[in-house]
C-alpha cells in the first residue's frame, strides 16, 4: 500500500492548487456562496432569483452550480445588494504576524 503525502492547507484552496489570482477567486467563491444561501433560504426558483438579481435564469444557474467564470466581484456585490444585503469593504493594515495582506469575506449576524 502506497503512503499518502498529506500537505497542510494554506487556508485558500485556490492557492493550494497553484491558481493565478487565488485571493480573488476565494473572495468570489465566498460571495457567490452567500448569494446562493440567500436564494435557497428564500426558496426562490432560478427564474425568480434572476428577476430579483436583474439577470437571466442561465446566469443564476451558473452561479448556483459554482461556475464563477464571468462573474466579477462587483457583479456579485450588486447581487447581494439586490438581495437586500449591505456589503462593506474595510481596508486595514495587516498584522505583523502575516507576511502579506489578504482579502476575506466576513458575514455579520
Protein backbone atom coordinates (compact mmCIF):
# COMPACT_ATOMS: atom_id res chain seq x y z
CA UNK A 1 0.00 0.00 0.00
CA UNK A 2 1.44 3.37 -1.03
CA UNK A 3 1.75 6.03 1.62
CA UNK A 4 -0.18 9.22 1.02
CA UNK A 5 1.56 12.54 1.40
CA UNK A 6 -0.50 14.94 3.48
CA UNK A 7 0.13 18.61 2.98
CA UNK A 8 -1.29 21.31 5.25
CA UNK A 9 -3.59 23.81 3.56
CA UNK A 10 -2.64 27.44 3.26
CA UNK A 11 -6.27 28.30 4.04
CA UNK A 12 -7.01 29.10 0.39
CA UNK A 13 -7.80 26.08 -1.75
CA UNK A 14 -7.17 28.09 -4.92
CA UNK A 15 -3.64 28.97 -3.77
CA UNK A 16 -3.07 25.34 -2.79
CA UNK A 17 -3.97 24.39 -6.37
CA UNK A 18 -1.48 26.94 -7.69
CA UNK A 19 -4.11 29.04 -9.45
CA UNK A 20 -3.36 32.59 -10.53
CA UNK A 21 -5.42 35.24 -8.70
CA UNK A 22 -6.14 32.80 -5.86
CA UNK A 23 -7.19 35.54 -3.42
CA UNK A 24 -9.74 36.96 -5.87
CA UNK A 25 -11.08 33.50 -6.65
CA UNK A 26 -11.54 32.75 -2.97
CA UNK A 27 -13.38 36.05 -2.42
CA UNK A 28 -15.62 35.48 -5.43
CA UNK A 29 -16.42 31.95 -4.26
CA UNK A 30 -17.38 33.20 -0.79
CA UNK A 31 -19.59 35.99 -2.15
CA UNK A 32 -21.24 33.59 -4.61
CA UNK A 33 -21.84 31.14 -1.77
CA UNK A 34 -23.60 33.88 0.21
CA UNK A 35 -25.80 34.73 -2.80
CA UNK A 36 -26.66 31.05 -3.19
CA UNK A 37 -27.50 30.69 0.53
CA UNK A 38 -29.88 33.64 0.38
CA UNK A 39 -31.61 32.36 -2.76
CA UNK A 40 -32.03 28.89 -1.24
CA UNK A 41 -33.12 30.37 2.10
CA UNK A 42 -35.86 32.33 0.37
CA UNK A 43 -36.89 29.23 -1.60
CA UNK A 44 -36.65 31.15 -4.87
CA UNK A 45 -36.66 29.37 -8.18
CA UNK A 46 -33.82 30.28 -10.51
CA UNK A 47 -36.25 32.29 -12.62
CA UNK A 48 -37.48 34.20 -9.55
CA UNK A 49 -33.92 34.80 -8.40
CA UNK A 50 -32.98 36.04 -11.87
CA UNK A 51 -35.77 38.61 -11.71
CA UNK A 52 -34.61 39.85 -8.30
CA UNK A 53 -30.97 39.98 -9.42
CA UNK A 54 -31.66 41.59 -12.79
CA UNK A 55 -30.05 38.63 -14.52
CA UNK A 56 -31.18 35.67 -16.59
CA UNK A 57 -32.04 32.18 -15.39
CA UNK A 58 -28.97 30.66 -17.12
CA UNK A 59 -26.75 33.16 -15.25
CA UNK A 60 -28.34 32.17 -11.94
CA UNK A 61 -27.91 28.51 -12.86
CA UNK A 62 -24.17 29.04 -13.45
CA UNK A 63 -23.85 30.83 -10.13
CA UNK A 64 -25.79 28.17 -8.23
CA UNK A 65 -23.57 25.48 -9.76
CA UNK A 66 -20.33 27.22 -8.78
CA UNK A 67 -19.36 28.20 -12.31
CA UNK A 68 -17.89 31.60 -11.47
CA UNK A 69 -16.14 32.40 -14.74
CA UNK A 70 -17.54 35.71 -15.95
CA UNK A 71 -18.67 36.89 -12.51
CA UNK A 72 -16.79 39.95 -11.27
CA UNK A 73 -16.55 40.90 -7.63
CA UNK A 74 -18.59 43.98 -8.48
CA UNK A 75 -21.39 41.92 -10.01
CA UNK A 76 -21.54 39.61 -7.00
CA UNK A 77 -21.75 42.64 -4.69
CA UNK A 78 -24.60 44.04 -6.81
CA UNK A 79 -26.39 40.68 -6.49
CA UNK A 80 -26.04 40.82 -2.70
CA UNK A 81 -27.39 44.39 -2.69
CA UNK A 82 -30.35 43.24 -4.82
CA UNK A 83 -30.96 40.57 -2.16
CA UNK A 84 -31.22 43.32 0.48
CA UNK A 85 -27.73 42.85 1.89
CA UNK A 86 -25.29 45.62 2.73
CA UNK A 87 -21.71 44.96 1.69
CA UNK A 88 -18.94 46.87 3.44
CA UNK A 89 -15.35 46.96 2.29
CA UNK A 90 -12.89 47.76 5.06
CA UNK A 91 -9.23 48.45 4.40
CA UNK A 92 -6.89 47.91 7.34
CA UNK A 93 -3.21 47.38 7.99
CA UNK A 94 -2.15 43.75 8.04
CA UNK A 95 -0.81 42.40 11.32
CA UNK A 96 2.96 41.96 11.54
CA UNK A 97 2.40 38.27 12.10
CA UNK A 98 1.37 37.89 8.44
CA UNK A 99 3.72 38.40 5.52
CA UNK A 100 1.08 39.64 3.05
CA UNK A 101 -2.24 41.43 3.10
CA UNK A 102 -5.33 39.36 2.42
CA UNK A 103 -8.92 39.70 1.31
CA UNK A 104 -11.66 37.85 3.10
CA UNK A 105 -15.42 37.90 3.47
CA UNK A 106 -17.00 38.20 6.91
CA UNK A 107 -20.68 37.61 7.45
CA UNK A 108 -22.40 39.69 10.09
CA UNK A 109 -25.15 38.15 12.16
